[in-house]
């Protein structure tokens, strides 16, 4: 488990990490194991690189992520469109 991600979700801090060719800034909402058994993060991307060119809801395979950093910036809480008990997760460690 990644304690930085757990801390960020508990305190509603944005995180920044390297993923798939660039840095991403996200509002982390749900952290756990995906239905494929990978460590995963459901988050709303607000800034940074995106291979699709779009911001918004994404599931990140943290096996592909590096250099996770908790930012000082906070977010208000659950963003519109977030569904608790994420169906993409087989085990949830923490969620908003």
Protein backbone atom coordinates (compact mmCIF):
# COMPACT_ATOMS: atom_id res chain seq x y z
CA UNK A 1 0.00 0.00 0.00
CA UNK A 2 1.10 3.53 -0.68
CA UNK A 3 0.84 5.66 2.45
CA UNK A 4 1.24 8.89 0.47
CA UNK A 5 -1.94 8.20 -1.47
CA UNK A 6 -3.81 7.24 1.70
CA UNK A 7 -2.67 10.49 3.37
CA UNK A 8 -3.66 12.54 0.31
CA UNK A 9 -7.18 11.07 0.22
CA UNK A 10 -7.68 11.50 3.98
CA UNK A 11 -6.60 15.15 3.82
CA UNK A 12 -8.03 15.91 0.35
CA UNK A 13 -4.71 16.97 -1.16
CA UNK A 14 -3.92 16.92 -4.86
CA UNK A 15 -1.14 14.58 -5.92
CA UNK A 16 1.33 14.79 -8.79
CA UNK A 17 3.02 11.80 -10.36
CA UNK A 18 4.74 10.62 -13.50
CA UNK A 19 2.57 8.33 -15.61
CA UNK A 20 2.64 7.12 -19.22
CA UNK A 21 4.98 9.75 -20.61
CA UNK A 22 4.34 12.79 -18.43
CA UNK A 23 3.35 14.28 -15.12
CA UNK A 24 -0.30 14.30 -14.02
CA UNK A 25 -2.04 16.29 -11.29
CA UNK A 26 -5.13 14.60 -9.85
CA UNK A 27 -7.75 14.72 -7.11
CA UNK A 28 -7.46 11.20 -5.64
CA UNK A 29 -10.82 9.64 -4.74
CA UNK A 30 -10.43 5.86 -4.46
CA UNK A 31 -7.34 3.71 -3.91
CA UNK A 32 -7.22 -0.08 -3.92
CA UNK A 33 -6.82 -3.16 -6.07
CA UNK A 34 -8.44 -3.18 -9.49
CA UNK A 35 -10.53 -6.09 -10.72
CA UNK A 36 -7.38 -7.15 -12.66
CA UNK A 37 -5.42 -7.30 -9.40
CA UNK A 38 -3.33 -4.17 -10.00
CA UNK A 39 -2.81 -1.36 -7.51
CA UNK A 40 -5.17 1.32 -8.81
CA UNK A 41 -6.25 4.89 -8.24
CA UNK A 42 -9.55 6.41 -9.36
CA UNK A 43 -8.94 10.12 -9.65
CA UNK A 44 -10.07 13.26 -11.40
CA UNK A 45 -7.20 14.64 -13.48
CA UNK A 46 -7.04 18.44 -13.31
CA UNK A 47 -3.72 19.23 -15.00
CA UNK A 48 -0.69 17.80 -16.74
CA UNK A 49 -0.04 15.39 -19.57
CA UNK A 50 -2.80 13.26 -21.02
CA UNK A 51 -2.34 10.90 -23.97
CA UNK A 52 -6.00 11.55 -24.90
CA UNK A 53 -5.62 15.31 -24.38
CA UNK A 54 -8.54 15.27 -21.93
CA UNK A 55 -8.87 15.94 -18.23
CA UNK A 56 -11.49 14.20 -16.08
CA UNK A 57 -12.18 10.85 -14.43
CA UNK A 58 -9.52 8.20 -14.95
CA UNK A 59 -8.36 4.90 -13.47
CA UNK A 60 -4.59 4.81 -13.07
CA UNK A 61 -2.61 1.56 -12.86
CA UNK A 62 -0.08 2.57 -10.22
CA UNK A 63 2.37 -0.05 -11.45
CA UNK A 64 2.98 2.46 -14.26
CA UNK A 65 3.22 5.47 -11.91
CA UNK A 66 6.36 6.97 -10.39
CA UNK A 67 7.46 9.88 -8.21
CA UNK A 68 4.19 10.38 -6.30
CA UNK A 69 4.18 13.76 -4.56
CA UNK A 70 1.52 15.22 -2.27
CA UNK A 71 0.85 18.85 -3.15
CA UNK A 72 -0.09 21.60 -0.69
CA UNK A 73 -3.24 22.36 -2.70
CA UNK A 74 -6.46 20.85 -1.34
CA UNK A 75 -9.74 20.03 -3.07
CA UNK A 76 -13.25 20.33 -1.65
CA UNK A 77 -14.11 16.64 -1.55
CA UNK A 78 -16.11 14.30 -3.70
CA UNK A 79 -16.34 15.67 -7.21
CA UNK A 80 -19.49 15.36 -9.28
CA UNK A 81 -19.64 12.02 -11.04
CA UNK A 82 -17.82 10.05 -8.36
CA UNK A 83 -19.52 6.80 -7.36
CA UNK A 84 -18.56 5.22 -4.03
CA UNK A 85 -17.78 1.49 -3.94
CA UNK A 86 -16.05 1.73 -7.33
CA UNK A 87 -16.95 -1.28 -9.48
CA UNK A 88 -13.47 -1.14 -11.05
CA UNK A 89 -11.97 -2.15 -7.70
CA UNK A 90 -11.96 -5.61 -6.16
CA UNK A 91 -10.59 -4.25 -2.86
CA UNK A 92 -10.76 -0.64 -1.65
CA UNK A 93 -8.15 0.58 0.85
CA UNK A 94 -9.59 4.08 1.15
CA UNK A 95 -12.05 6.32 -0.64
CA UNK A 96 -13.61 9.73 -0.18
